[in-house]
Amino acid sequence: MSVAYREGIPALEQVHDEGGRSLGWWGMMFFIASEALIFANLIAAYLYLEIRQGGHGWRLPSEIWYPLINTIILLGSSAPIHYIAARGIEKGNQRRLIWGLLATIVMGAIFLGGQVYEYSSLISEGFTPQSQLFGSAFFTLTGFHGLHVTVGLIFLLIVFVRALNGHFTKERHFAFQAGEMYWHFVDAVWIFVFSIVYLLPLLRG
């Protein structure tokens, strides 16, 4: 059991298709695709409700600068896990792997903390989930994404602990690969959420 744990579920990594992709890789891709469909439906519903109301009142009472900075932090968090951690695994450099993961985790936590702060600020200004249809739609869409960021952070923390214990090798690191894929997905989704919730009302004027 401990050997299987250390090697990152060998069966998922050793079974490959003709293109060399592991069974675990395809499973993760299927999971991400299903999650993407859920987000697509939520975004479509958000836009539909906004269009039905003609966009009137669908603008946050606060400035965009804070969410923009928070967005830069989240998108930037993909760099350490890809350019430092992943390349550390490729070169058998455990130190790079650990520091890359840690940087991504810290940046993700800062984003999450920033979102909590934004929520508290909006609520103190009287903008709540009960603030008409816009409030409900805003907190549902951004909150659902925040939940995914939380799941991603927990996932990466588990990977981080395993990395500290030397569980990953150049040949076997499926758990890390899955965590990286999921984190990039969370970042990509936020681009759409941020553009629709924050930027679109500004462009509309």
N, C-alpha and C. Protein backbone atom coordinates (compact mmCIF):
# COMPACT_ATOMS: atom_id res chain seq x y z
N MET A 1 0.83 -1.20 0.00
CA MET A 1 0.00 0.00 0.00
C MET A 1 0.86 1.26 0.00
N SER A 2 1.89 1.26 0.84
CA SER A 2 2.77 2.44 0.91
C SER A 2 3.53 2.64 -0.38
N VAL A 3 3.89 1.54 -1.06
CA VAL A 3 4.60 1.65 -2.33
C VAL A 3 3.71 2.29 -3.37
N ALA A 4 2.45 1.85 -3.41
CA ALA A 4 1.51 2.42 -4.38
C ALA A 4 1.30 3.91 -4.11
N TYR A 5 1.24 4.27 -2.83
CA TYR A 5 1.05 5.68 -2.47
C TYR A 5 2.25 6.51 -2.90
N ARG A 6 3.44 5.99 -2.65
CA ARG A 6 4.66 6.73 -2.99
C ARG A 6 4.81 6.90 -4.49
N GLU A 7 4.33 5.93 -5.26
CA GLU A 7 4.54 5.99 -6.70
C GLU A 7 3.40 6.70 -7.43
N GLY A 8 2.42 7.19 -6.68
CA GLY A 8 1.38 7.99 -7.32
C GLY A 8 0.40 7.18 -8.12
N ILE A 9 -0.16 6.12 -7.55
CA ILE A 9 -1.14 5.25 -8.21
C ILE A 9 -0.57 4.73 -9.52
N PRO A 10 0.34 3.78 -9.49
CA PRO A 10 1.04 3.28 -10.66
C PRO A 10 0.13 2.87 -11.80
N ALA A 11 -1.01 2.24 -11.48
CA ALA A 11 -1.88 1.76 -12.56
C ALA A 11 -2.34 2.90 -13.45
N LEU A 12 -2.61 4.04 -12.86
CA LEU A 12 -3.06 5.18 -13.64
C LEU A 12 -1.96 5.74 -14.52
N GLU A 13 -0.72 5.54 -14.11
CA GLU A 13 0.40 6.11 -14.86
C GLU A 13 0.98 5.14 -15.88
N GLN A 14 0.86 3.84 -15.63
CA GLN A 14 1.50 2.86 -16.48
C GLN A 14 0.65 2.46 -17.67
N VAL A 15 -0.69 2.63 -17.56
CA VAL A 15 -1.57 2.29 -18.67
C VAL A 15 -1.66 3.49 -19.59
N HIS A 16 -1.18 3.34 -20.81
CA HIS A 16 -1.14 4.45 -21.76
C HIS A 16 -1.90 4.11 -23.03
N ASP A 17 -2.35 5.15 -23.73
CA ASP A 17 -2.96 4.93 -25.03
C ASP A 17 -1.87 4.96 -26.09
N GLU A 18 -2.26 4.92 -27.36
CA GLU A 18 -1.28 4.88 -28.44
C GLU A 18 -0.46 6.17 -28.51
N GLY A 19 -1.03 7.27 -28.01
CA GLY A 19 -0.32 8.54 -28.05
C GLY A 19 0.59 8.76 -26.86
N GLY A 20 0.63 7.79 -25.95
CA GLY A 20 1.51 7.90 -24.79
C GLY A 20 0.89 8.56 -23.58
N ARG A 21 -0.41 8.92 -23.66
CA ARG A 21 -1.08 9.54 -22.52
C ARG A 21 -1.53 8.47 -21.53
N SER A 22 -1.36 8.75 -20.25
CA SER A 22 -1.74 7.77 -19.23
C SER A 22 -3.25 7.77 -19.02
N LEU A 23 -3.73 6.69 -18.42
CA LEU A 23 -5.15 6.56 -18.11
C LEU A 23 -5.57 7.67 -17.15
N GLY A 24 -4.71 7.98 -16.20
CA GLY A 24 -5.00 9.04 -15.24
C GLY A 24 -5.13 10.40 -15.92
N TRP A 25 -4.29 10.65 -16.93
CA TRP A 25 -4.34 11.92 -17.66
C TRP A 25 -5.69 12.10 -18.33
N TRP A 26 -6.16 11.04 -19.00
CA TRP A 26 -7.45 11.11 -19.68
C TRP A 26 -8.59 11.26 -18.68
N GLY A 27 -8.46 10.59 -17.54
CA GLY A 27 -9.49 10.72 -16.52
C GLY A 27 -9.58 12.15 -16.00
N MET A 28 -8.42 12.77 -15.81
CA MET A 28 -8.40 14.15 -15.33
C MET A 28 -8.96 15.10 -16.39
N MET A 29 -8.66 14.85 -17.65
CA MET A 29 -9.17 15.68 -18.72
C MET A 29 -10.70 15.59 -18.79
N PHE A 30 -11.22 14.39 -18.60
CA PHE A 30 -12.68 14.19 -18.62
C PHE A 30 -13.32 14.95 -17.46
N PHE A 31 -12.69 14.88 -16.29
CA PHE A 31 -13.21 15.58 -15.11
C PHE A 31 -13.21 17.09 -15.34
N ILE A 32 -12.11 17.62 -15.88
CA ILE A 32 -12.02 19.06 -16.14
C ILE A 32 -13.05 19.49 -17.17
N ALA A 33 -13.25 18.66 -18.19
CA ALA A 33 -14.24 18.97 -19.23
C ALA A 33 -15.64 19.05 -18.63
N SER A 34 -15.96 18.14 -17.72
CA SER A 34 -17.28 18.16 -17.09
C SER A 34 -17.44 19.40 -16.21
N GLU A 35 -16.37 19.79 -15.53
CA GLU A 35 -16.41 21.01 -14.71
C GLU A 35 -16.55 22.25 -15.59
N ALA A 36 -15.89 22.22 -16.74
CA ALA A 36 -15.98 23.35 -17.67
C ALA A 36 -17.42 23.54 -18.16
N LEU A 37 -18.12 22.43 -18.37
CA LEU A 37 -19.52 22.52 -18.81
C LEU A 37 -20.39 23.16 -17.74
N ILE A 38 -20.12 22.83 -16.49
CA ILE A 38 -20.88 23.44 -15.39
C ILE A 38 -20.65 24.95 -15.36
N PHE A 39 -19.39 25.36 -15.49
CA PHE A 39 -19.09 26.79 -15.50
C PHE A 39 -19.71 27.47 -16.71
N ALA A 40 -19.69 26.79 -17.85
CA ALA A 40 -20.27 27.36 -19.07
C ALA A 40 -21.76 27.62 -18.87
N ASN A 41 -22.44 26.69 -18.21
CA ASN A 41 -23.87 26.87 -17.94
C ASN A 41 -24.12 28.03 -16.97
N LEU A 42 -23.27 28.13 -15.95
CA LEU A 42 -23.43 29.23 -14.99
C LEU A 42 -23.19 30.59 -15.64
N ILE A 43 -22.16 30.66 -16.48
CA ILE A 43 -21.85 31.91 -17.17
C ILE A 43 -22.96 32.27 -18.15
N ALA A 44 -23.47 31.26 -18.86
CA ALA A 44 -24.57 31.50 -19.81
C ALA A 44 -25.81 32.00 -19.07
N ALA A 45 -26.08 31.41 -17.91
CA ALA A 45 -27.24 31.83 -17.12
C ALA A 45 -27.05 33.27 -16.63
N TYR A 46 -25.84 33.59 -16.21
CA TYR A 46 -25.53 34.95 -15.75
C TYR A 46 -25.78 35.96 -16.86
N LEU A 47 -25.26 35.66 -18.05
CA LEU A 47 -25.43 36.57 -19.19
C LEU A 47 -26.89 36.69 -19.60
N TYR A 48 -27.60 35.58 -19.56
CA TYR A 48 -29.02 35.58 -19.93
C TYR A 48 -29.82 36.49 -18.99
N LEU A 49 -29.57 36.34 -17.69
CA LEU A 49 -30.28 37.17 -16.71
C LEU A 49 -29.93 38.64 -16.87
N GLU A 50 -28.66 38.90 -17.16
CA GLU A 50 -28.23 40.30 -17.34
C GLU A 50 -28.89 40.91 -18.57
N ILE A 51 -28.93 40.16 -19.65
CA ILE A 51 -29.53 40.65 -20.90
C ILE A 51 -31.03 40.90 -20.71
N ARG A 52 -31.67 40.00 -19.97
CA ARG A 52 -33.11 40.15 -19.73
C ARG A 52 -33.42 41.45 -18.99
N GLN A 53 -32.52 41.85 -18.13
CA GLN A 53 -32.72 43.09 -17.38
C GLN A 53 -32.08 44.29 -18.07
N GLY A 54 -31.56 44.07 -19.26
CA GLY A 54 -30.97 45.16 -20.02
C GLY A 54 -29.67 45.69 -19.45
N GLY A 55 -29.08 44.94 -18.51
CA GLY A 55 -27.82 45.37 -17.92
C GLY A 55 -27.97 46.46 -16.88
N HIS A 56 -29.21 46.89 -16.62
CA HIS A 56 -29.44 47.97 -15.66
C HIS A 56 -29.16 47.49 -14.24
N GLY A 57 -28.27 48.19 -13.56
CA GLY A 57 -27.95 47.84 -12.18
C GLY A 57 -26.96 46.71 -12.03
N TRP A 58 -26.50 46.15 -13.15
CA TRP A 58 -25.56 45.02 -13.08
C TRP A 58 -24.12 45.53 -13.08
N ARG A 59 -23.84 46.31 -12.07
CA ARG A 59 -22.49 46.85 -11.92
C ARG A 59 -22.18 46.95 -10.43
N LEU A 60 -21.00 46.47 -10.04
CA LEU A 60 -20.62 46.45 -8.63
C LEU A 60 -20.41 47.87 -8.10
N PRO A 61 -20.76 48.10 -6.83
CA PRO A 61 -20.60 49.44 -6.26
C PRO A 61 -19.14 49.82 -6.00
N SER A 62 -18.26 48.84 -5.96
CA SER A 62 -16.85 49.11 -5.65
C SER A 62 -16.03 49.30 -6.93
N GLU A 63 -14.79 49.78 -6.77
CA GLU A 63 -13.89 49.98 -7.90
C GLU A 63 -13.35 48.64 -8.40
N ILE A 64 -12.84 48.65 -9.63
CA ILE A 64 -12.36 47.41 -10.24
C ILE A 64 -10.91 47.11 -9.90
N TRP A 65 -10.19 48.10 -9.35
CA TRP A 65 -8.74 47.94 -9.18
C TRP A 65 -8.38 46.79 -8.25
N TYR A 66 -9.11 46.64 -7.17
CA TYR A 66 -8.78 45.57 -6.23
C TYR A 66 -9.00 44.19 -6.86
N PRO A 67 -10.16 43.94 -7.49
CA PRO A 67 -10.35 42.65 -8.18
C PRO A 67 -9.32 42.43 -9.29
N LEU A 68 -8.90 43.52 -9.94
CA LEU A 68 -7.92 43.40 -11.01
C LEU A 68 -6.58 42.93 -10.46
N ILE A 69 -6.14 43.51 -9.35
CA ILE A 69 -4.89 43.09 -8.71
C ILE A 69 -4.99 41.64 -8.26
N ASN A 70 -6.14 41.29 -7.70
CA ASN A 70 -6.37 39.92 -7.26
C ASN A 70 -6.31 38.94 -8.43
N THR A 71 -6.82 39.40 -9.57
CA THR A 71 -6.80 38.57 -10.78
C THR A 71 -5.38 38.33 -11.26
N ILE A 72 -4.57 39.38 -11.25
CA ILE A 72 -3.17 39.26 -11.66
C ILE A 72 -2.44 38.26 -10.77
N ILE A 73 -2.75 38.28 -9.48
CA ILE A 73 -2.12 37.35 -8.54
C ILE A 73 -2.51 35.91 -8.88
N LEU A 74 -3.80 35.69 -9.13
CA LEU A 74 -4.25 34.33 -9.44
C LEU A 74 -3.65 33.82 -10.74
N LEU A 75 -3.70 34.64 -11.78
CA LEU A 75 -3.15 34.21 -13.07
C LEU A 75 -1.64 34.00 -12.97
N GLY A 76 -0.99 34.85 -12.18
CA GLY A 76 0.45 34.71 -12.00
C GLY A 76 0.82 33.46 -11.24
N SER A 77 -0.11 32.92 -10.47
CA SER A 77 0.18 31.72 -9.67
C SER A 77 0.41 30.48 -10.53
N SER A 78 0.00 30.55 -11.79
CA SER A 78 0.23 29.41 -12.69
C SER A 78 1.69 29.31 -13.11
N ALA A 79 2.41 30.43 -13.04
CA ALA A 79 3.80 30.44 -13.48
C ALA A 79 4.72 29.58 -12.61
N PRO A 80 4.69 29.71 -11.29
CA PRO A 80 5.60 28.90 -10.46
C PRO A 80 5.39 27.40 -10.60
N ILE A 81 4.13 26.97 -10.65
CA ILE A 81 3.88 25.53 -10.73
C ILE A 81 4.30 24.96 -12.08
N HIS A 82 4.24 25.80 -13.12
CA HIS A 82 4.60 25.32 -14.46
C HIS A 82 6.09 25.50 -14.76
N TYR A 83 6.60 26.68 -14.51
CA TYR A 83 7.99 26.98 -14.90
C TYR A 83 9.03 26.59 -13.85
N ILE A 84 8.60 26.42 -12.61
CA ILE A 84 9.55 26.04 -11.57
C ILE A 84 9.32 24.60 -11.11
N ALA A 85 8.11 24.32 -10.62
CA ALA A 85 7.81 22.99 -10.07
C ALA A 85 7.86 21.89 -11.13
N ALA A 86 7.14 22.09 -12.23
CA ALA A 86 7.08 21.06 -13.27
C ALA A 86 8.46 20.79 -13.88
N ARG A 87 9.20 21.84 -14.11
CA ARG A 87 10.54 21.66 -14.67
C ARG A 87 11.49 21.06 -13.63
N GLY A 88 11.18 21.31 -12.36
CA GLY A 88 11.97 20.68 -11.31
C GLY A 88 11.81 19.17 -11.34
N ILE A 89 10.58 18.71 -11.57
CA ILE A 89 10.33 17.26 -11.67
C ILE A 89 11.05 16.69 -12.89
N GLU A 90 10.96 17.41 -14.01
CA GLU A 90 11.60 16.93 -15.24
C GLU A 90 13.10 16.75 -15.07
N LYS A 91 13.71 17.60 -14.24
CA LYS A 91 15.16 17.55 -14.04
C LYS A 91 15.55 16.82 -12.76
N GLY A 92 14.54 16.27 -12.07
CA GLY A 92 14.83 15.56 -10.84
C GLY A 92 15.28 16.47 -9.71
N ASN A 93 14.86 17.73 -9.78
CA ASN A 93 15.24 18.72 -8.78
C ASN A 93 14.10 18.90 -7.78
N GLN A 94 14.18 18.22 -6.65
CA GLN A 94 13.12 18.28 -5.65
C GLN A 94 12.96 19.67 -5.04
N ARG A 95 14.04 20.39 -4.95
CA ARG A 95 13.98 21.72 -4.35
C ARG A 95 13.14 22.66 -5.21
N ARG A 96 13.34 22.61 -6.51
CA ARG A 96 12.54 23.44 -7.42
C ARG A 96 11.07 23.05 -7.35
N LEU A 97 10.82 21.75 -7.28
CA LEU A 97 9.46 21.26 -7.18
C LEU A 97 8.76 21.83 -5.95
N ILE A 98 9.42 21.74 -4.82
CA ILE A 98 8.84 22.20 -3.56
C ILE A 98 8.62 23.72 -3.55
N TRP A 99 9.62 24.48 -3.98
CA TRP A 99 9.48 25.94 -3.97
C TRP A 99 8.45 26.42 -4.99
N GLY A 100 8.38 25.76 -6.13
CA GLY A 100 7.38 26.13 -7.13
C GLY A 100 5.96 25.89 -6.62
N LEU A 101 5.76 24.75 -5.98
CA LEU A 101 4.46 24.44 -5.40
C LEU A 101 4.09 25.44 -4.31
N LEU A 102 5.06 25.73 -3.45
CA LEU A 102 4.81 26.65 -2.33
C LEU A 102 4.41 28.03 -2.83
N ALA A 103 5.10 28.51 -3.86
CA ALA A 103 4.78 29.84 -4.41
C ALA A 103 3.36 29.88 -4.96
N THR A 104 2.97 28.84 -5.67
CA THR A 104 1.62 28.78 -6.23
C THR A 104 0.57 28.72 -5.13
N ILE A 105 0.83 27.92 -4.11
CA ILE A 105 -0.10 27.80 -2.99
C ILE A 105 -0.28 29.14 -2.27
N VAL A 106 0.82 29.83 -2.02
CA VAL A 106 0.75 31.12 -1.33
C VAL A 106 -0.03 32.14 -2.16
N MET A 107 0.24 32.20 -3.46
CA MET A 107 -0.47 33.15 -4.32
C MET A 107 -1.95 32.81 -4.42
N GLY A 108 -2.26 31.52 -4.47
CA GLY A 108 -3.66 31.10 -4.51
C GLY A 108 -4.38 31.48 -3.22
N ALA A 109 -3.69 31.32 -2.10
CA ALA A 109 -4.28 31.68 -0.80
C ALA A 109 -4.51 33.18 -0.70
N ILE A 110 -3.59 33.96 -1.27
CA ILE A 110 -3.75 35.42 -1.27
C ILE A 110 -4.98 35.81 -2.09
N PHE A 111 -5.15 35.16 -3.23
CA PHE A 111 -6.33 35.43 -4.06
C PHE A 111 -7.60 35.12 -3.29
N LEU A 112 -7.63 33.97 -2.64
CA LEU A 112 -8.81 33.56 -1.89
C LEU A 112 -9.10 34.54 -0.75
N GLY A 113 -8.03 34.95 -0.06
CA GLY A 113 -8.20 35.93 1.01
C GLY A 113 -8.71 37.25 0.47
N GLY A 114 -8.23 37.62 -0.73
CA GLY A 114 -8.68 38.85 -1.36
C GLY A 114 -10.15 38.79 -1.74
N GLN A 115 -10.59 37.61 -2.16
CA GLN A 115 -12.00 37.46 -2.51
C GLN A 115 -12.89 37.57 -1.27
N VAL A 116 -12.44 36.99 -0.18
CA VAL A 116 -13.19 37.10 1.08
C VAL A 116 -13.27 38.56 1.51
N TYR A 117 -12.16 39.28 1.36
CA TYR A 117 -12.14 40.70 1.72
C TYR A 117 -13.10 41.49 0.82
N GLU A 118 -13.11 41.16 -0.47
CA GLU A 118 -14.02 41.85 -1.39
C GLU A 118 -15.47 41.59 -1.00
N TYR A 119 -15.78 40.35 -0.67
CA TYR A 119 -17.14 40.01 -0.25
C TYR A 119 -17.55 40.83 0.97
N SER A 120 -16.66 40.88 1.96
CA SER A 120 -16.99 41.61 3.19
C SER A 120 -17.19 43.09 2.92
N SER A 121 -16.38 43.64 1.99
CA SER A 121 -16.50 45.06 1.64
C SER A 121 -17.83 45.33 0.93
N LEU A 122 -18.19 44.44 0.01
CA LEU A 122 -19.44 44.61 -0.73
C LEU A 122 -20.65 44.50 0.20
N ILE A 123 -20.58 43.52 1.10
CA ILE A 123 -21.70 43.32 2.03
C ILE A 123 -21.84 44.52 2.96
N SER A 124 -20.70 45.10 3.37
CA SER A 124 -20.75 46.28 4.25
C SER A 124 -21.34 47.48 3.53
N GLU A 125 -21.27 47.47 2.18
CA GLU A 125 -21.85 48.55 1.38
C GLU A 125 -23.31 48.27 1.03
N GLY A 126 -23.81 47.13 1.52
CA GLY A 126 -25.22 46.81 1.28
C GLY A 126 -25.47 45.91 0.09
N PHE A 127 -24.39 45.45 -0.56
CA PHE A 127 -24.54 44.56 -1.71
C PHE A 127 -24.38 43.12 -1.22
N THR A 128 -25.48 42.38 -1.18
CA THR A 128 -25.49 41.03 -0.64
C THR A 128 -26.10 40.06 -1.65
N PRO A 129 -26.06 38.74 -1.35
CA PRO A 129 -26.71 37.77 -2.24
C PRO A 129 -28.21 38.02 -2.38
N GLN A 130 -28.78 38.77 -1.46
CA GLN A 130 -30.21 39.09 -1.53
C GLN A 130 -30.47 40.42 -2.24
N SER A 131 -29.40 41.04 -2.76
CA SER A 131 -29.55 42.33 -3.43
C SER A 131 -30.04 42.12 -4.86
N GLN A 132 -31.31 41.92 -4.99
CA GLN A 132 -31.94 41.70 -6.29
C GLN A 132 -31.30 40.50 -7.01
N LEU A 133 -31.54 40.41 -8.29
CA LEU A 133 -31.06 39.27 -9.07
C LEU A 133 -29.55 39.33 -9.28
N PHE A 134 -29.02 40.53 -9.44
CA PHE A 134 -27.59 40.69 -9.69
C PHE A 134 -26.76 40.17 -8.52
N GLY A 135 -27.16 40.51 -7.31
CA GLY A 135 -26.42 40.05 -6.13
C GLY A 135 -26.38 38.54 -6.06
N SER A 136 -27.51 37.91 -6.31
CA SER A 136 -27.57 36.45 -6.28
C SER A 136 -26.69 35.83 -7.35
N ALA A 137 -26.75 36.39 -8.57
CA ALA A 137 -25.96 35.86 -9.68
C ALA A 137 -24.47 36.06 -9.45
N PHE A 138 -24.09 37.23 -8.94
CA PHE A 138 -22.69 37.55 -8.70
C PHE A 138 -22.08 36.61 -7.67
N PHE A 139 -22.72 36.48 -6.52
CA PHE A 139 -22.16 35.65 -5.46
C PHE A 139 -22.19 34.16 -5.83
N THR A 140 -23.16 33.76 -6.62
CA THR A 140 -23.22 32.35 -7.05
C THR A 140 -22.06 32.02 -7.97
N LEU A 141 -21.85 32.86 -8.99
CA LEU A 141 -20.81 32.59 -9.98
C LEU A 141 -19.41 32.72 -9.39
N THR A 142 -19.14 33.82 -8.72
CA THR A 142 -17.80 34.01 -8.15
C THR A 142 -17.55 33.08 -6.96
N GLY A 143 -18.62 32.80 -6.20
CA GLY A 143 -18.48 31.89 -5.07
C GLY A 143 -18.20 30.47 -5.50
N PHE A 144 -18.83 30.06 -6.60
CA PHE A 144 -18.60 28.71 -7.13
C PHE A 144 -17.16 28.58 -7.60
N HIS A 145 -16.65 29.64 -8.21
CA HIS A 145 -15.25 29.62 -8.62
C HIS A 145 -14.34 29.61 -7.39
N GLY A 146 -14.68 30.41 -6.39
CA GLY A 146 -13.90 30.43 -5.16
C GLY A 146 -13.84 29.06 -4.50
N LEU A 147 -14.94 28.32 -4.59
CA LEU A 147 -14.97 26.96 -4.05
C LEU A 147 -13.96 26.08 -4.78
N HIS A 148 -13.87 26.26 -6.09
CA HIS A 148 -12.91 25.48 -6.88
C HIS A 148 -11.47 25.87 -6.56
N VAL A 149 -11.25 27.14 -6.29
CA VAL A 149 -9.91 27.57 -5.87
C VAL A 149 -9.55 26.90 -4.55
N THR A 150 -10.51 26.84 -3.64
CA THR A 150 -10.28 26.19 -2.35
C THR A 150 -9.94 24.72 -2.52
N VAL A 151 -10.70 24.03 -3.37
CA VAL A 151 -10.43 22.61 -3.65
C VAL A 151 -9.04 22.46 -4.26
N GLY A 152 -8.70 23.37 -5.19
CA GLY A 152 -7.38 23.33 -5.81
C GLY A 152 -6.26 23.52 -4.81
N LEU A 153 -6.45 24.42 -3.86
CA LEU A 153 -5.44 24.66 -2.83
C LEU A 153 -5.26 23.44 -1.94
N ILE A 154 -6.36 22.81 -1.57
CA ILE A 154 -6.27 21.60 -0.74
C ILE A 154 -5.52 20.51 -1.50
N PHE A 155 -5.85 20.37 -2.78
CA PHE A 155 -5.19 19.40 -3.65
C PHE A 155 -3.69 19.66 -3.70
N LEU A 156 -3.32 20.93 -3.93
CA LEU A 156 -1.90 21.28 -4.03
C LEU A 156 -1.17 21.13 -2.69
N LEU A 157 -1.88 21.37 -1.60
CA LEU A 157 -1.26 21.18 -0.28
C LEU A 157 -0.92 19.71 -0.05
N ILE A 158 -1.81 18.82 -0.49
CA ILE A 158 -1.55 17.38 -0.38
C ILE A 158 -0.34 17.01 -1.23
N VAL A 159 -0.31 17.55 -2.45
CA VAL A 159 0.82 17.30 -3.35
C VAL A 159 2.11 17.85 -2.73
N PHE A 160 2.01 19.02 -2.11
CA PHE A 160 3.17 19.65 -1.48
C PHE A 160 3.74 18.77 -0.36
N VAL A 161 2.86 18.24 0.48
CA VAL A 161 3.31 17.36 1.57
C VAL A 161 3.97 16.11 1.00
N ARG A 162 3.40 15.57 -0.05
CA ARG A 162 4.00 14.39 -0.69
C ARG A 162 5.36 14.72 -1.29
N ALA A 163 5.46 15.92 -1.86
CA ALA A 163 6.74 16.33 -2.44
C ALA A 163 7.81 16.46 -1.35
N LEU A 164 7.41 16.97 -0.19
CA LEU A 164 8.35 17.08 0.93
C LEU A 164 8.88 15.72 1.37
N ASN A 165 8.04 14.70 1.18
CA ASN A 165 8.42 13.34 1.57
C ASN A 165 9.04 12.55 0.42
N GLY A 166 9.33 13.24 -0.69
CA GLY A 166 10.01 12.60 -1.81
C GLY A 166 9.21 11.56 -2.54
N HIS A 167 7.89 11.75 -2.63
CA HIS A 167 7.03 10.75 -3.27
C HIS A 167 7.02 10.82 -4.79
N PHE A 168 7.58 11.88 -5.37
CA PHE A 168 7.51 12.03 -6.83
C PHE A 168 8.87 11.84 -7.49
N THR A 169 8.83 11.22 -8.66
CA THR A 169 10.03 11.03 -9.47
C THR A 169 9.74 11.55 -10.87
N LYS A 170 10.76 11.57 -11.69
CA LYS A 170 10.60 12.03 -13.07
C LYS A 170 9.63 11.13 -13.83
N GLU A 171 9.63 9.84 -13.48
CA GLU A 171 8.79 8.88 -14.17
C GLU A 171 7.37 8.83 -13.61
N ARG A 172 7.24 9.05 -12.32
CA ARG A 172 5.93 8.90 -11.69
C ARG A 172 5.59 10.12 -10.84
N HIS A 173 4.66 10.91 -11.35
CA HIS A 173 4.23 12.12 -10.64
C HIS A 173 2.82 12.52 -11.06
N PHE A 174 1.95 11.52 -11.19
CA PHE A 174 0.60 11.80 -11.67
C PHE A 174 -0.15 12.78 -10.79
N ALA A 175 -0.03 12.63 -9.47
CA ALA A 175 -0.76 13.52 -8.56
C ALA A 175 -0.36 14.97 -8.80
N PHE A 176 0.94 15.21 -9.02
CA PHE A 176 1.40 16.57 -9.31
C PHE A 176 0.82 17.05 -10.63
N GLN A 177 0.88 16.20 -11.65
CA GLN A 177 0.38 16.57 -12.97
C GLN A 177 -1.11 16.90 -12.91
N ALA A 178 -1.87 16.10 -12.17
CA ALA A 178 -3.30 16.35 -12.04
C ALA A 178 -3.55 17.68 -11.33
N GLY A 179 -2.77 17.95 -10.29
CA GLY A 179 -2.92 19.21 -9.56
C GLY A 179 -2.61 20.41 -10.43
N GLU A 180 -1.57 20.28 -11.25
CA GLU A 180 -1.20 21.38 -12.15
C GLU A 180 -2.29 21.63 -13.18
N MET A 181 -2.82 20.56 -13.76
CA MET A 181 -3.88 20.68 -14.76
C MET A 181 -5.10 21.37 -14.16
N TYR A 182 -5.47 20.94 -12.97
CA TYR A 182 -6.65 21.51 -12.32
C TYR A 182 -6.44 22.99 -12.01
N TRP A 183 -5.24 23.34 -11.57
CA TRP A 183 -4.96 24.74 -11.23
C TRP A 183 -4.99 25.63 -12.47
N HIS A 184 -4.44 25.16 -13.57
CA HIS A 184 -4.51 25.94 -14.81
C HIS A 184 -5.96 26.12 -15.25
N PHE A 185 -6.77 25.09 -15.04
CA PHE A 185 -8.19 25.18 -15.39
C PHE A 185 -8.89 26.26 -14.56
N VAL A 186 -8.64 26.26 -13.26
CA VAL A 186 -9.23 27.25 -12.37
C VAL A 186 -8.83 28.67 -12.80
N ASP A 187 -7.59 28.84 -13.18
CA ASP A 187 -7.11 30.15 -13.64
C ASP A 187 -7.81 30.56 -14.94
N ALA A 188 -7.91 29.62 -15.87
CA ALA A 188 -8.52 29.92 -17.16
C ALA A 188 -9.98 30.32 -17.01
N VAL A 189 -10.70 29.62 -16.15
CA VAL A 189 -12.11 29.94 -15.92
C VAL A 189 -12.27 31.35 -15.37
N TRP A 190 -11.34 31.74 -14.48
CA TRP A 190 -11.45 33.07 -13.88
C TRP A 190 -11.32 34.18 -14.91
N ILE A 191 -10.59 33.95 -15.98
CA ILE A 191 -10.46 34.96 -17.04
C ILE A 191 -11.85 35.29 -17.59
N PHE A 192 -12.65 34.25 -17.82
CA PHE A 192 -14.01 34.46 -18.35
C PHE A 192 -14.91 35.12 -17.29
N VAL A 193 -14.81 34.64 -16.06
CA VAL A 193 -15.64 35.19 -14.99
C VAL A 193 -15.32 36.67 -14.77
N PHE A 194 -14.04 36.99 -14.68
CA PHE A 194 -13.62 38.37 -14.46
C PHE A 194 -14.06 39.27 -15.61
N SER A 195 -13.89 38.79 -16.83
CA SER A 195 -14.25 39.59 -18.01
C SER A 195 -15.74 39.91 -18.04
N ILE A 196 -16.55 38.93 -17.69
CA ILE A 196 -18.00 39.10 -17.76
C ILE A 196 -18.54 39.90 -16.58
N VAL A 197 -18.06 39.59 -15.39
CA VAL A 197 -18.60 40.23 -14.18
C VAL A 197 -18.05 41.64 -13.97
N TYR A 198 -16.76 41.83 -14.24
CA TYR A 198 -16.12 43.11 -13.92
C TYR A 198 -15.89 44.01 -15.14
N LEU A 199 -15.40 43.43 -16.23
CA LEU A 199 -15.03 44.25 -17.39
C LEU A 199 -16.20 44.63 -18.27
N LEU A 200 -17.11 43.70 -18.50
CA LEU A 200 -18.23 43.95 -19.40
C LEU A 200 -19.07 45.17 -18.98
N PRO A 201 -19.40 45.32 -17.70
CA PRO A 201 -20.16 46.52 -17.30
C PRO A 201 -19.40 47.82 -17.58
N LEU A 202 -18.07 47.79 -17.47
CA LEU A 202 -17.28 49.00 -17.75
C LEU A 202 -17.30 49.34 -19.23
N LEU A 203 -17.23 48.32 -20.06
CA LEU A 203 -17.25 48.55 -21.51
C LEU A 203 -18.62 49.06 -21.96
N ARG A 204 -19.64 48.61 -21.24
CA ARG A 204 -20.99 49.04 -21.58
C ARG A 204 -21.20 50.50 -21.22
N GLY A 205 -20.46 50.94 -20.18
CA GLY A 205 -20.52 52.35 -19.79
C GLY A 205 -21.66 52.68 -18.86
